[in-house]
Amino acid sequence: MDFSWIVLSIVVVANLVCFGAMFVAQQIDKSLPLRHSLIPGTKQKFLYMQDWYTMAYGDIVAVPLIVNAFVHLAIAGYIGIVQWIMAIALAIVLTIVGIKSCLGPDHKPDQGFPVAGKISLQGAIHMPYFGIGWSMGVISLGHVFFGHVTGPVLWLGIFGGVFYLICLVAEFKSGNFDPLKRI
């Protein structure tokens, strides 16, 4: 597979625009509790985007490298109509499941879902971003096994995937993914 710096650059810029929109949405939302303030009835801190390893590092570094593989596959003609339908369906399912799980009464409030049953503008932007990114990653991973992703596109995608997994581990180790613990 031929690697294109132009494609990677466009993906990186598009990702930064999406990330920037989420950050601006967070910053202009005056209904959010102060960053690191205690969640009422707990000893847990209220987290903002920049407190999540998966957002502060994974979304900036890993996601564009993973999406780059998908875009290269699409340009090379490897993503057919069935896979586009699968990717869109998976993105929708992941978005809906993510929103439903975060709207529950036991979800630990954060910048995307500041109180039980409420989604913020940042959360409304982030959940489709999350669903689309994971969907592109899953479809791309399938193509790795068929040998369609090769060379720099493959290695950048693998680096992105491993880096994101490291960010996920950091979330668990830091307690960011801990469930809501009422006192």
Protein backbone atom coordinates (compact mmCIF):
# COMPACT_ATOMS: atom_id res chain seq x y z
CA MET A 1 0.00 0.00 0.00
CA ASP A 2 1.40 3.37 -0.99
CA PHE A 3 1.76 5.82 1.86
CA SER A 4 0.75 9.44 1.37
CA TRP A 5 1.96 12.28 3.58
CA ILE A 6 -0.86 14.39 2.17
CA VAL A 7 -3.48 11.88 3.32
CA LEU A 8 -1.91 11.64 6.77
CA SER A 9 -1.73 15.45 7.00
CA ILE A 10 -5.40 15.84 6.06
CA VAL A 11 -6.39 13.18 8.62
CA VAL A 12 -4.33 14.88 11.35
CA VAL A 13 -5.84 18.31 10.58
CA ALA A 14 -9.39 16.90 10.44
CA ASN A 15 -8.82 15.15 13.77
CA LEU A 16 -7.49 18.34 15.35
CA VAL A 17 -10.58 20.21 14.14
CA CYS A 18 -12.83 17.59 15.77
CA PHE A 19 -10.76 17.62 18.96
CA GLY A 20 -10.74 21.41 18.96
CA ALA A 21 -14.53 21.48 18.62
CA MET A 22 -14.83 19.19 21.64
CA PHE A 23 -12.43 21.34 23.65
CA VAL A 24 -14.24 24.58 22.74
CA ALA A 25 -17.58 22.94 23.63
CA GLN A 26 -16.15 22.01 27.02
CA GLN A 27 -14.72 25.47 27.65
CA ILE A 28 -17.88 27.39 26.76
CA ASP A 29 -20.14 25.15 28.85
CA LYS A 30 -20.59 27.19 32.02
CA SER A 31 -22.86 24.52 33.55
CA LEU A 32 -19.92 22.14 34.06
CA PRO A 33 -18.56 21.88 37.60
CA LEU A 34 -15.03 23.18 38.12
CA ARG A 35 -12.27 20.89 36.93
CA HIS A 36 -11.11 18.57 39.73
CA SER A 37 -13.92 19.67 42.04
CA LEU A 38 -15.41 16.79 44.00
CA ILE A 39 -18.42 15.05 42.52
CA PRO A 40 -21.24 15.62 45.05
CA GLY A 41 -21.61 12.71 47.46
CA THR A 42 -18.21 11.24 46.56
CA LYS A 43 -14.50 11.79 47.06
CA GLN A 44 -13.92 11.54 43.31
CA LYS A 45 -12.76 14.40 41.12
CA PHE A 46 -14.79 15.80 38.23
CA LEU A 47 -12.67 15.18 35.11
CA TYR A 48 -12.29 17.32 31.99
CA MET A 49 -10.99 16.22 28.57
CA GLN A 50 -7.42 17.01 29.47
CA ASP A 51 -7.59 14.62 32.46
CA TRP A 52 -8.26 11.54 30.33
CA TYR A 53 -5.22 9.77 28.87
CA THR A 54 -7.35 8.47 26.01
CA MET A 55 -8.45 11.99 25.11
CA ALA A 56 -5.39 14.10 25.93
CA TYR A 57 -2.97 11.66 24.29
CA GLY A 58 -4.87 8.88 22.54
CA ASP A 59 -7.20 11.13 20.56
CA ILE A 60 -4.37 13.45 19.54
CA VAL A 61 -1.69 10.87 18.66
CA ALA A 62 -3.29 7.44 18.18
CA VAL A 63 -6.64 8.17 16.55
CA PRO A 64 -5.22 9.94 13.47
CA LEU A 65 -2.77 7.09 12.88
CA ILE A 66 -5.58 4.54 13.06
CA VAL A 67 -7.95 6.61 10.90
CA ASN A 68 -5.08 7.15 8.44
CA ALA A 69 -5.08 3.39 7.75
CA PHE A 70 -8.83 3.44 7.05
CA VAL A 71 -8.55 6.44 4.72
CA HIS A 72 -5.65 4.83 2.84
CA LEU A 73 -7.73 1.64 2.49
CA ALA A 74 -10.70 3.64 1.18
CA ILE A 75 -8.55 5.52 -1.34
CA ALA A 76 -6.97 2.24 -2.50
CA GLY A 77 -10.46 0.81 -3.12
CA TYR A 78 -10.41 -1.82 -0.38
CA ILE A 79 -13.48 -0.45 1.43
CA GLY A 80 -16.47 -1.66 -0.57
CA ILE A 81 -20.14 -0.79 -0.09
CA VAL A 82 -20.70 -3.64 2.37
CA GLN A 83 -17.81 -2.47 4.54
CA TRP A 84 -19.02 1.13 4.41
CA ILE A 85 -22.42 -0.07 5.61
CA MET A 86 -20.75 -2.17 8.33
CA ALA A 87 -18.57 0.78 9.40
CA ILE A 88 -21.51 3.18 9.55
CA ALA A 89 -23.70 0.66 11.40
CA LEU A 90 -20.94 -0.09 13.91
CA ALA A 91 -20.30 3.63 14.45
CA ILE A 92 -24.00 4.20 15.13
CA VAL A 93 -24.23 1.24 17.51
CA LEU A 94 -21.10 2.29 19.42
CA THR A 95 -22.36 5.87 19.67
CA ILE A 96 -25.77 4.80 20.97
CA VAL A 97 -24.38 2.22 23.40
CA GLY A 98 -21.84 4.76 24.65
CA ILE A 99 -24.48 7.42 25.21
CA LYS A 100 -26.89 5.00 26.92
CA SER A 101 -24.21 3.70 29.27
CA CYS A 102 -23.05 7.20 30.17
CA LEU A 103 -26.59 8.49 30.79
CA GLY A 104 -27.22 5.89 33.49
CA PRO A 105 -27.59 6.83 37.17
CA ASP A 106 -24.35 5.05 38.14
CA HIS A 107 -22.13 6.74 35.55
CA LYS A 108 -19.40 8.82 37.16
CA PRO A 109 -20.05 12.43 36.04
CA ASP A 110 -17.48 14.04 33.74
CA GLN A 111 -17.25 16.75 31.07
CA GLY A 112 -19.34 14.72 28.62
CA PHE A 113 -22.05 13.64 31.02
CA PRO A 114 -21.97 16.12 33.92
CA VAL A 115 -24.96 14.73 35.84
CA ALA A 116 -27.01 11.55 35.63
CA GLY A 117 -29.23 11.63 32.57
CA LYS A 118 -27.60 14.69 30.94
CA ILE A 119 -25.21 14.92 28.01
CA SER A 120 -23.17 18.09 27.47
CA LEU A 121 -22.36 19.61 24.08
CA GLN A 122 -18.86 18.16 24.43
CA GLY A 123 -20.34 14.71 25.07
CA ALA A 124 -22.69 15.07 22.10
CA ILE A 125 -19.69 15.76 19.86
CA HIS A 126 -17.42 13.17 21.47
CA MET A 127 -19.71 10.14 21.28
CA PRO A 128 -20.03 10.07 17.45
CA TYR A 129 -16.27 10.80 17.25
CA PHE A 130 -15.72 7.79 19.53
CA GLY A 131 -18.05 5.55 17.49
CA ILE A 132 -16.60 6.55 14.13
CA GLY A 133 -12.99 6.20 15.31
CA TRP A 134 -13.50 2.73 16.79
CA SER A 135 -15.48 1.65 13.72
CA MET A 136 -12.67 2.74 11.39
CA GLY A 137 -10.16 0.94 13.60
CA VAL A 138 -12.12 -2.32 13.58
CA ILE A 139 -12.55 -2.28 9.80
CA SER A 140 -8.86 -1.44 9.33
CA LEU A 141 -7.79 -4.24 11.67
CA GLY A 142 -9.71 -6.72 9.55
CA HIS A 143 -7.77 -5.55 6.50
CA VAL A 144 -4.47 -6.04 8.33
CA PHE A 145 -5.26 -9.77 8.49
CA PHE A 146 -6.03 -9.85 4.76
CA GLY A 147 -2.68 -8.20 4.01
CA HIS A 148 -4.23 -5.05 2.54
CA VAL A 149 -2.48 -2.70 4.98
CA THR A 150 1.27 -2.69 4.46
CA GLY A 151 4.39 -0.58 4.81
CA PRO A 152 4.32 2.73 6.67
CA VAL A 153 0.50 2.74 6.80
CA LEU A 154 0.60 -0.58 8.65
CA TRP A 155 3.33 0.46 11.08
CA LEU A 156 1.73 3.82 11.84
CA GLY A 157 -1.61 2.08 12.40
CA ILE A 158 -0.04 -0.51 14.69
CA PHE A 159 1.75 2.24 16.63
CA GLY A 160 -1.54 4.14 16.93
CA GLY A 161 -3.39 1.05 18.17
CA VAL A 162 -0.72 0.11 20.70
CA PHE A 163 -0.44 3.71 21.91
CA TYR A 164 -4.22 3.91 22.39
CA LEU A 165 -4.20 0.63 24.33
CA ILE A 166 -1.47 2.03 26.59
CA CYS A 167 -3.70 5.07 27.19
CA LEU A 168 -6.59 2.75 28.10
CA VAL A 169 -4.40 0.91 30.61
CA ALA A 170 -3.37 4.28 32.08
CA GLU A 171 -7.06 5.17 32.53
CA PHE A 172 -7.66 2.05 34.61
CA LYS A 173 -4.44 2.40 36.60
CA SER A 174 -5.09 6.09 37.36
CA GLY A 175 -8.63 5.43 38.54
CA ASN A 176 -10.17 7.54 35.78
CA PHE A 177 -12.39 4.58 34.79
CA ASP A 178 -13.36 3.77 38.37
CA PRO A 179 -17.09 3.48 38.88
CA LEU A 180 -19.00 6.11 40.81
CA LYS A 181 -18.31 5.59 44.52
CA ARG A 182 -20.90 7.29 46.70
CA ILE A 183 -20.01 7.91 50.33
